[in-house]
Structure formats: structure tokens, C-alpha cells
Amino acid sequence: MAVQWFFAEFLISPRANNWFFAGNRFWSYGSRADSWRSQFWHVDPSDPDASILTASKIAISWALAAVSSWIGLLLGGWMRKVQR
């Protein structure tokens, strides 16, 4: 996760706009690539509603991912038993 966060920030930056990373080549003709696409990375830390990454938020997201994966495995096992 530590690497992915910074790599994702790099991919939406102008530095990734080259032939290898194709940073600015995934927009369709119908969408405009304005400043909104990088607004997520410019969060004001003094804002009380700012999305600051903390250890408790990481733990909560990991627990939610584990529970949803477990539910998916249960539903998949049930679907395997379903016959026409």
C-alpha cells in the first residue's frame, strides 16, 4: 500500500505523460481532462473533513475487505451447488 499510494499519485501527475506510462492517454473524446482529475491529491490538512490516512482507517478498510471477501467466498460456494 505504501508504494501504490505514491505510484498512483505519480500516474495522475504530468510526469507520467509519456509513451511508457501513458499518463494522459486514457481519457475519452467525451471527457475533458481538467484540474479535477488531480484534486484528490491536494487535500488541505487543516480541513476537519480532510481524508487523512491513519492506521485506524487502514485497519478498518482491511477488516471490511476481509469480511466482504469472506461473504464472496460463501456466496461462491453456494452458487457452485446451484443446478439448473
PDB file of N, CA and C in Angstrom:
ATOM      1  N   MET A   1       0.818  -1.187   0.000  1.00  0.00           N
ATOM      2  CA  MET A   1       0.000   0.000   0.000  1.00  0.00           C
ATOM      3  C   MET A   1       0.865   1.254   0.000  1.00  0.00           C
ATOM      4  N   ALA A   2       1.979   1.203   0.693  1.00  0.00           N
ATOM      5  CA  ALA A   2       2.853   2.384   0.753  1.00  0.00           C
ATOM      6  C   ALA A   2       3.387   2.737  -0.627  1.00  0.00           C
ATOM      7  N   VAL A   3       3.682   1.756  -1.433  1.00  0.00           N
ATOM      8  CA  VAL A   3       4.192   2.010  -2.778  1.00  0.00           C
ATOM      9  C   VAL A   3       3.058   2.417  -3.706  1.00  0.00           C
ATOM     10  N   GLN A   4       1.913   1.758  -3.598  1.00  0.00           N
ATOM     11  CA  GLN A   4       0.791   2.025  -4.505  1.00  0.00           C
ATOM     12  C   GLN A   4       0.288   3.456  -4.371  1.00  0.00           C
ATOM     13  N   TRP A   5       0.239   3.982  -3.155  1.00  0.00           N
ATOM     14  CA  TRP A   5      -0.267   5.337  -2.930  1.00  0.00           C
ATOM     15  C   TRP A   5       0.571   6.351  -3.713  1.00  0.00           C
ATOM     16  N   PHE A   6       1.881   6.258  -3.591  1.00  0.00           N
ATOM     17  CA  PHE A   6       2.755   7.220  -4.259  1.00  0.00           C
ATOM     18  C   PHE A   6       2.838   6.963  -5.764  1.00  0.00           C
ATOM     19  N   PHE A   7       2.728   5.708  -6.163  1.00  0.00           N
ATOM     20  CA  PHE A   7       2.735   5.402  -7.594  1.00  0.00           C
ATOM     21  C   PHE A   7       1.457   5.928  -8.258  1.00  0.00           C
ATOM     22  N   ALA A   8       0.322   5.817  -7.576  1.00  0.00           N
ATOM     23  CA  ALA A   8      -0.923   6.369  -8.111  1.00  0.00           C
ATOM     24  C   ALA A   8      -0.838   7.884  -8.230  1.00  0.00           C
ATOM     25  N   GLU A   9      -0.205   8.515  -7.255  1.00  0.00           N
ATOM     26  CA  GLU A   9      -0.009   9.968  -7.330  1.00  0.00           C
ATOM     27  C   GLU A   9       0.868  10.327  -8.529  1.00  0.00           C
ATOM     28  N   PHE A  10       1.880   9.517  -8.776  1.00  0.00           N
ATOM     29  CA  PHE A  10       2.746   9.743  -9.934  1.00  0.00           C
ATOM     30  C   PHE A  10       1.972   9.567 -11.239  1.00  0.00           C
ATOM     31  N   LEU A  11       1.122   8.552 -11.315  1.00  0.00           N
ATOM     32  CA  LEU A  11       0.408   8.263 -12.558  1.00  0.00           C
ATOM     33  C   LEU A  11      -0.570   9.360 -12.970  1.00  0.00           C
ATOM     34  N   ILE A  12      -1.096  10.119 -12.015  1.00  0.00           N
ATOM     35  CA  ILE A  12      -2.005  11.202 -12.398  1.00  0.00           C
ATOM     36  C   ILE A  12      -1.287  12.532 -12.523  1.00  0.00           C
ATOM     37  N   SER A  13       0.012  12.542 -12.307  1.00  0.00           N
ATOM     38  CA  SER A  13       0.767  13.782 -12.436  1.00  0.00           C
ATOM     39  C   SER A  13       1.224  13.968 -13.891  1.00  0.00           C
ATOM     40  N   PRO A  14       1.613  15.164 -14.277  1.00  0.00           N
ATOM     41  CA  PRO A  14       2.117  15.394 -15.640  1.00  0.00           C
ATOM     42  C   PRO A  14       3.404  14.640 -15.942  1.00  0.00           C
ATOM     43  N   ARG A  15       4.152  14.214 -14.917  1.00  0.00           N
ATOM     44  CA  ARG A  15       5.398  13.477 -15.158  1.00  0.00           C
ATOM     45  C   ARG A  15       5.144  12.111 -15.802  1.00  0.00           C
ATOM     46  N   ALA A  16       3.953  11.561 -15.648  1.00  0.00           N
ATOM     47  CA  ALA A  16       3.642  10.243 -16.223  1.00  0.00           C
ATOM     48  C   ALA A  16       3.109  10.346 -17.644  1.00  0.00           C
ATOM     49  N   ASN A  17       3.047  11.539 -18.178  1.00  0.00           N
ATOM     50  CA  ASN A  17       2.525  11.730 -19.530  1.00  0.00           C
ATOM     51  C   ASN A  17       3.637  11.467 -20.548  1.00  0.00           C
ATOM     52  N   ASN A  18       3.938  10.199 -20.750  1.00  0.00           N
ATOM     53  CA  ASN A  18       4.951   9.809 -21.724  1.00  0.00           C
ATOM     54  C   ASN A  18       4.514   8.505 -22.385  1.00  0.00           C
ATOM     55  N   TRP A  19       5.319   7.989 -23.278  1.00  0.00           N
ATOM     56  CA  TRP A  19       4.923   6.801 -24.032  1.00  0.00           C
ATOM     57  C   TRP A  19       4.905   5.545 -23.157  1.00  0.00           C
ATOM     58  N   PHE A  20       5.679   5.496 -22.097  1.00  0.00           N
ATOM     59  CA  PHE A  20       5.756   4.290 -21.283  1.00  0.00           C
ATOM     60  C   PHE A  20       4.579   4.175 -20.316  1.00  0.00           C
ATOM     61  N   PHE A  21       4.290   5.224 -19.578  1.00  0.00           N
ATOM     62  CA  PHE A  21       3.215   5.193 -18.588  1.00  0.00           C
ATOM     63  C   PHE A  21       1.866   5.610 -19.162  1.00  0.00           C
ATOM     64  N   ALA A  22       1.849   6.302 -20.284  1.00  0.00           N
ATOM     65  CA  ALA A  22       0.615   6.767 -20.933  1.00  0.00           C
ATOM     66  C   ALA A  22      -0.283   7.484 -19.935  1.00  0.00           C
ATOM     67  N   GLY A  23       0.294   8.405 -19.191  1.00  0.00           N
ATOM     68  CA  GLY A  23      -0.413   9.069 -18.102  1.00  0.00           C
ATOM     69  C   GLY A  23      -1.627   9.861 -18.514  1.00  0.00           C
ATOM     70  N   ASN A  24      -1.618  10.486 -19.659  1.00  0.00           N
ATOM     71  CA  ASN A  24      -2.744  11.333 -20.046  1.00  0.00           C
ATOM     72  C   ASN A  24      -3.446  10.778 -21.278  1.00  0.00           C
ATOM     73  N   ARG A  25      -3.391   9.488 -21.482  1.00  0.00           N
ATOM     74  CA  ARG A  25      -3.956   8.911 -22.702  1.00  0.00           C
ATOM     75  C   ARG A  25      -5.130   7.980 -22.445  1.00  0.00           C
ATOM     76  N   PHE A  26      -5.764   8.099 -21.299  1.00  0.00           N
ATOM     77  CA  PHE A  26      -6.890   7.218 -21.008  1.00  0.00           C
ATOM     78  C   PHE A  26      -8.213   7.953 -20.955  1.00  0.00           C
ATOM     79  N   TRP A  27      -8.247   9.194 -21.392  1.00  0.00           N
ATOM     80  CA  TRP A  27      -9.483   9.973 -21.404  1.00  0.00           C
ATOM     81  C   TRP A  27     -10.164   9.805 -22.756  1.00  0.00           C
ATOM     82  N   SER A  28     -11.457   9.681 -22.719  1.00  0.00           N
ATOM     83  CA  SER A  28     -12.196   9.536 -23.968  1.00  0.00           C
ATOM     84  C   SER A  28     -12.378  10.900 -24.626  1.00  0.00           C
ATOM     85  N   TYR A  29     -12.910  10.887 -25.825  1.00  0.00           N
ATOM     86  CA  TYR A  29     -13.161  12.152 -26.519  1.00  0.00           C
ATOM     87  C   TYR A  29     -14.275  12.948 -25.857  1.00  0.00           C
ATOM     88  N   GLY A  30     -15.128  12.265 -25.107  1.00  0.00           N
ATOM     89  CA  GLY A  30     -16.257  12.939 -24.465  1.00  0.00           C
ATOM     90  C   GLY A  30     -15.926  13.581 -23.134  1.00  0.00           C
ATOM     91  N   SER A  31     -14.762  13.300 -22.563  1.00  0.00           N
ATOM     92  CA  SER A  31     -14.420  13.873 -21.264  1.00  0.00           C
ATOM     93  C   SER A  31     -13.246  14.829 -21.398  1.00  0.00           C
ATOM     94  N   ARG A  32     -13.322  15.879 -20.604  1.00  0.00           N
ATOM     95  CA  ARG A  32     -12.250  16.869 -20.589  1.00  0.00           C
ATOM     96  C   ARG A  32     -11.310  16.577 -19.435  1.00  0.00           C
ATOM     97  N   ALA A  33     -10.034  16.575 -19.668  1.00  0.00           N
ATOM     98  CA  ALA A  33      -9.049  16.340 -18.611  1.00  0.00           C
ATOM     99  C   ALA A  33      -8.661  17.670 -17.991  1.00  0.00           C
ATOM    100  N   ASP A  34      -9.478  18.157 -17.069  1.00  0.00           N
ATOM    101  CA  ASP A  34      -9.203  19.424 -16.391  1.00  0.00           C
ATOM    102  C   ASP A  34      -8.480  19.163 -15.076  1.00  0.00           C
ATOM    103  N   SER A  35      -8.446  20.180 -14.247  1.00  0.00           N
ATOM    104  CA  SER A  35      -7.749  20.061 -12.969  1.00  0.00           C
ATOM    105  C   SER A  35      -8.478  19.153 -11.986  1.00  0.00           C
ATOM    106  N   TRP A  36      -9.728  18.813 -12.221  1.00  0.00           N
ATOM    107  CA  TRP A  36     -10.485  17.971 -11.298  1.00  0.00           C
ATOM    108  C   TRP A  36      -9.867  16.588 -11.152  1.00  0.00           C
ATOM    109  N   ARG A  37      -9.126  16.129 -12.162  1.00  0.00           N
ATOM    110  CA  ARG A  37      -8.602  14.771 -12.088  1.00  0.00           C
ATOM    111  C   ARG A  37      -7.473  14.622 -11.093  1.00  0.00           C
ATOM    112  N   SER A  38      -6.863  15.709 -10.643  1.00  0.00           N
ATOM    113  CA  SER A  38      -5.820  15.614  -9.624  1.00  0.00           C
ATOM    114  C   SER A  38      -6.198  16.347  -8.347  1.00  0.00           C
ATOM    115  N   GLN A  39      -7.444  16.713  -8.175  1.00  0.00           N
ATOM    116  CA  GLN A  39      -7.867  17.415  -6.973  1.00  0.00           C
ATOM    117  C   GLN A  39      -7.737  16.562  -5.726  1.00  0.00           C
ATOM    118  N   PHE A  40      -7.894  15.269  -5.867  1.00  0.00           N
ATOM    119  CA  PHE A  40      -7.821  14.383  -4.720  1.00  0.00           C
ATOM    120  C   PHE A  40      -6.499  14.534  -3.977  1.00  0.00           C
ATOM    121  N   TRP A  41      -5.442  14.801  -4.687  1.00  0.00           N
ATOM    122  CA  TRP A  41      -4.118  14.828  -4.072  1.00  0.00           C
ATOM    123  C   TRP A  41      -3.800  16.157  -3.403  1.00  0.00           C
ATOM    124  N   HIS A  42      -4.633  17.156  -3.580  1.00  0.00           N
ATOM    125  CA  HIS A  42      -4.378  18.461  -2.987  1.00  0.00           C
ATOM    126  C   HIS A  42      -5.365  18.722  -1.855  1.00  0.00           C
ATOM    127  N   VAL A  43      -5.357  17.858  -0.849  1.00  0.00           N
ATOM    128  CA  VAL A  43      -6.251  17.979   0.289  1.00  0.00           C
ATOM    129  C   VAL A  43      -5.628  18.920   1.311  1.00  0.00           C
ATOM    130  N   ASP A  44      -6.439  19.828   1.832  1.00  0.00           N
ATOM    131  CA  ASP A  44      -5.968  20.763   2.841  1.00  0.00           C
ATOM    132  C   ASP A  44      -5.970  20.068   4.206  1.00  0.00           C
ATOM    133  N   PRO A  45      -4.821  19.845   4.831  1.00  0.00           N
ATOM    134  CA  PRO A  45      -4.787  19.127   6.107  1.00  0.00           C
ATOM    135  C   PRO A  45      -5.472  19.865   7.251  1.00  0.00           C
ATOM    136  N   SER A  46      -5.639  21.180   7.138  1.00  0.00           N
ATOM    137  CA  SER A  46      -6.310  21.917   8.209  1.00  0.00           C
ATOM    138  C   SER A  46      -7.830  21.749   8.153  1.00  0.00           C
ATOM    139  N   ASP A  47      -8.340  21.207   7.055  1.00  0.00           N
ATOM    140  CA  ASP A  47      -9.771  20.959   6.920  1.00  0.00           C
ATOM    141  C   ASP A  47     -10.160  19.774   7.796  1.00  0.00           C
ATOM    142  N   PRO A  48     -11.140  19.935   8.716  1.00  0.00           N
ATOM    143  CA  PRO A  48     -11.505  18.808   9.588  1.00  0.00           C
ATOM    144  C   PRO A  48     -12.121  17.634   8.831  1.00  0.00           C
ATOM    145  N   ASP A  49     -12.662  17.872   7.656  1.00  0.00           N
ATOM    146  CA  ASP A  49     -13.253  16.800   6.863  1.00  0.00           C
ATOM    147  C   ASP A  49     -12.265  16.197   5.877  1.00  0.00           C
ATOM    148  N   ALA A  50     -11.003  16.580   5.966  1.00  0.00           N
ATOM    149  CA  ALA A  50      -9.992  16.084   5.028  1.00  0.00           C
ATOM    150  C   ALA A  50      -9.782  14.592   5.242  1.00  0.00           C
ATOM    151  N   SER A  51      -9.522  13.930   4.152  1.00  0.00           N
ATOM    152  CA  SER A  51      -9.318  12.485   4.195  1.00  0.00           C
ATOM    153  C   SER A  51      -7.850  12.201   4.472  1.00  0.00           C
ATOM    154  N   ILE A  52      -7.501  12.137   5.746  1.00  0.00           N
ATOM    155  CA  ILE A  52      -6.132  11.857   6.160  1.00  0.00           C
ATOM    156  C   ILE A  52      -6.016  10.358   6.416  1.00  0.00           C
ATOM    157  N   LEU A  53      -4.984   9.751   5.881  1.00  0.00           N
ATOM    158  CA  LEU A  53      -4.764   8.319   6.030  1.00  0.00           C
ATOM    159  C   LEU A  53      -4.125   8.039   7.385  1.00  0.00           C
ATOM    160  N   THR A  54      -4.827   7.255   8.216  1.00  0.00           N
ATOM    161  CA  THR A  54      -4.311   6.898   9.535  1.00  0.00           C
ATOM    162  C   THR A  54      -4.278   5.384   9.680  1.00  0.00           C
ATOM    163  N   ALA A  55      -3.608   4.917  10.722  1.00  0.00           N
ATOM    164  CA  ALA A  55      -3.521   3.477  10.968  1.00  0.00           C
ATOM    165  C   ALA A  55      -4.900   2.877  11.254  1.00  0.00           C
ATOM    166  N   SER A  56      -5.754   3.612  11.953  1.00  0.00           N
ATOM    167  CA  SER A  56      -7.090   3.075  12.243  1.00  0.00           C
ATOM    168  C   SER A  56      -7.928   2.953  10.976  1.00  0.00           C
ATOM    169  N   LYS A  57      -7.790   3.900  10.051  1.00  0.00           N
ATOM    170  CA  LYS A  57      -8.519   3.801   8.792  1.00  0.00           C
ATOM    171  C   LYS A  57      -8.010   2.642   7.947  1.00  0.00           C
ATOM    172  N   ILE A  58      -6.705   2.391   7.992  1.00  0.00           N
ATOM    173  CA  ILE A  58      -6.153   1.245   7.270  1.00  0.00           C
ATOM    174  C   ILE A  58      -6.690  -0.049   7.857  1.00  0.00           C
ATOM    175  N   ALA A  59      -6.746  -0.144   9.192  1.00  0.00           N
ATOM    176  CA  ALA A  59      -7.253  -1.350   9.850  1.00  0.00           C
ATOM    177  C   ALA A  59      -8.729  -1.571   9.538  1.00  0.00           C
ATOM    178  N   ILE A  60      -9.513  -0.497   9.547  1.00  0.00           N
ATOM    179  CA  ILE A  60     -10.941  -0.622   9.236  1.00  0.00           C
ATOM    180  C   ILE A  60     -11.139  -1.063   7.791  1.00  0.00           C
ATOM    181  N   SER A  61     -10.380  -0.485   6.865  1.00  0.00           N
ATOM    182  CA  SER A  61     -10.527  -0.876   5.458  1.00  0.00           C
ATOM    183  C   SER A  61     -10.075  -2.317   5.240  1.00  0.00           C
ATOM    184  N   TRP A  62      -9.037  -2.759   5.953  1.00  0.00           N
ATOM    185  CA  TRP A  62      -8.591  -4.142   5.844  1.00  0.00           C
ATOM    186  C   TRP A  62      -9.664  -5.084   6.385  1.00  0.00           C
ATOM    187  N   ALA A  63     -10.289  -4.730   7.517  1.00  0.00           N
ATOM    188  CA  ALA A  63     -11.346  -5.570   8.081  1.00  0.00           C
ATOM    189  C   ALA A  63     -12.553  -5.640   7.145  1.00  0.00           C
ATOM    190  N   LEU A  64     -12.936  -4.518   6.565  1.00  0.00           N
ATOM    191  CA  LEU A  64     -14.065  -4.523   5.626  1.00  0.00           C
ATOM    192  C   LEU A  64     -13.751  -5.357   4.387  1.00  0.00           C
ATOM    193  N   ALA A  65     -12.519  -5.279   3.906  1.00  0.00           N
ATOM    194  CA  ALA A  65     -12.117  -6.092   2.749  1.00  0.00           C
ATOM    195  C   ALA A  65     -12.132  -7.572   3.097  1.00  0.00           C
ATOM    196  N   ALA A  66     -11.684  -7.931   4.297  1.00  0.00           N
ATOM    197  CA  ALA A  66     -11.679  -9.335   4.712  1.00  0.00           C
ATOM    198  C   ALA A  66     -13.098  -9.871   4.843  1.00  0.00           C
ATOM    199  N   VAL A  67     -13.995  -9.088   5.435  1.00  0.00           N
ATOM    200  CA  VAL A  67     -15.390  -9.529   5.601  1.00  0.00           C
ATOM    201  C   VAL A  67     -16.071  -9.663   4.241  1.00  0.00           C
ATOM    202  N   SER A  68     -15.860  -8.702   3.352  1.00  0.00           N
ATOM    203  CA  SER A  68     -16.509  -8.791   2.038  1.00  0.00           C
ATOM    204  C   SER A  68     -15.940  -9.951   1.222  1.00  0.00           C
ATOM    205  N   SER A  69     -14.661 -10.247   1.377  1.00  0.00           N
ATOM    206  CA  SER A  69     -14.083 -11.410   0.692  1.00  0.00           C
ATOM    207  C   SER A  69     -14.673 -12.702   1.233  1.00  0.00           C
ATOM    208  N   TRP A  70     -14.857 -12.770   2.530  1.00  0.00           N
ATOM    209  CA  TRP A  70     -15.448 -13.954   3.146  1.00  0.00           C
ATOM    210  C   TRP A  70     -16.881 -14.157   2.671  1.00  0.00           C
ATOM    211  N   ILE A  71     -17.653 -13.081   2.599  1.00  0.00           N
ATOM    212  CA  ILE A  71     -19.029 -13.172   2.088  1.00  0.00           C
ATOM    213  C   ILE A  71     -19.026 -13.618   0.632  1.00  0.00           C
ATOM    214  N   GLY A  72     -18.101 -13.098  -0.165  1.00  0.00           N
ATOM    215  CA  GLY A  72     -17.994 -13.512  -1.557  1.00  0.00           C
ATOM    216  C   GLY A  72     -17.660 -14.985  -1.698  1.00  0.00           C
ATOM    217  N   LEU A  73     -16.785 -15.492  -0.851  1.00  0.00           N
ATOM    218  CA  LEU A  73     -16.455 -16.921  -0.881  1.00  0.00           C
ATOM    219  C   LEU A  73     -17.659 -17.776  -0.480  1.00  0.00           C
ATOM    220  N   LEU A  74     -18.412 -17.316   0.508  1.00  0.00           N
ATOM    221  CA  LEU A  74     -19.621 -18.053   0.902  1.00  0.00           C
ATOM    222  C   LEU A  74     -20.647 -18.083  -0.233  1.00  0.00           C
ATOM    223  N   LEU A  75     -20.862 -16.954  -0.858  1.00  0.00           N
ATOM    224  CA  LEU A  75     -21.822 -16.907  -1.972  1.00  0.00           C
ATOM    225  C   LEU A  75     -21.332 -17.722  -3.157  1.00  0.00           C
ATOM    226  N   GLY A  76     -20.033 -17.718  -3.395  1.00  0.00           N
ATOM    227  CA  GLY A  76     -19.472 -18.522  -4.481  1.00  0.00           C
ATOM    228  C   GLY A  76     -19.634 -20.007  -4.221  1.00  0.00           C
ATOM    229  N   GLY A  77     -19.437 -20.433  -2.961  1.00  0.00           N
ATOM    230  CA  GLY A  77     -19.655 -21.835  -2.609  1.00  0.00           C
ATOM    231  C   GLY A  77     -21.105 -22.231  -2.767  1.00  0.00           C
ATOM    232  N   TRP A  78     -22.010 -21.326  -2.405  1.00  0.00           N
ATOM    233  CA  TRP A  78     -23.437 -21.605  -2.576  1.00  0.00           C
ATOM    234  C   TRP A  78     -23.802 -21.676  -4.059  1.00  0.00           C
ATOM    235  N   MET A  79     -23.250 -20.776  -4.871  1.00  0.00           N
ATOM    236  CA  MET A  79     -23.554 -20.780  -6.306  1.00  0.00           C
ATOM    237  C   MET A  79     -23.019 -22.038  -6.991  1.00  0.00           C
ATOM    238  N   ARG A  80     -21.946 -22.600  -6.467  1.00  0.00           N
ATOM    239  CA  ARG A  80     -21.406 -23.817  -7.059  1.00  0.00           C
ATOM    240  C   ARG A  80     -22.373 -24.989  -6.883  1.00  0.00           C
ATOM    241  N   LYS A  81     -23.167 -24.956  -5.834  1.00  0.00           N
ATOM    242  CA  LYS A  81     -24.128 -26.028  -5.561  1.00  0.00           C
ATOM    243  C   LYS A  81     -25.430 -25.864  -6.344  1.00  0.00           C
ATOM    244  N   VAL A  82     -25.689 -24.684  -6.861  1.00  0.00           N
ATOM    245  CA  VAL A  82     -26.932 -24.418  -7.580  1.00  0.00           C
ATOM    246  C   VAL A  82     -26.883 -25.131  -8.930  1.00  0.00           C
ATOM    247  N   GLN A  83     -27.947 -25.852  -9.249  1.00  0.00           N
ATOM    248  CA  GLN A  83     -28.043 -26.566 -10.520  1.00  0.00           C
ATOM    249  C   GLN A  83     -29.270 -26.078 -11.284  1.00  0.00           C
ATOM    250  N   ARG A  84     -29.220 -26.227 -12.595  1.00  0.00           N
ATOM    251  CA  ARG A  84     -30.371 -25.849 -13.400  1.00  0.00           C
ATOM    252  C   ARG A  84     -31.433 -26.889 -13.315  1.00  0.00           C
TER     253      ARG A  84
END
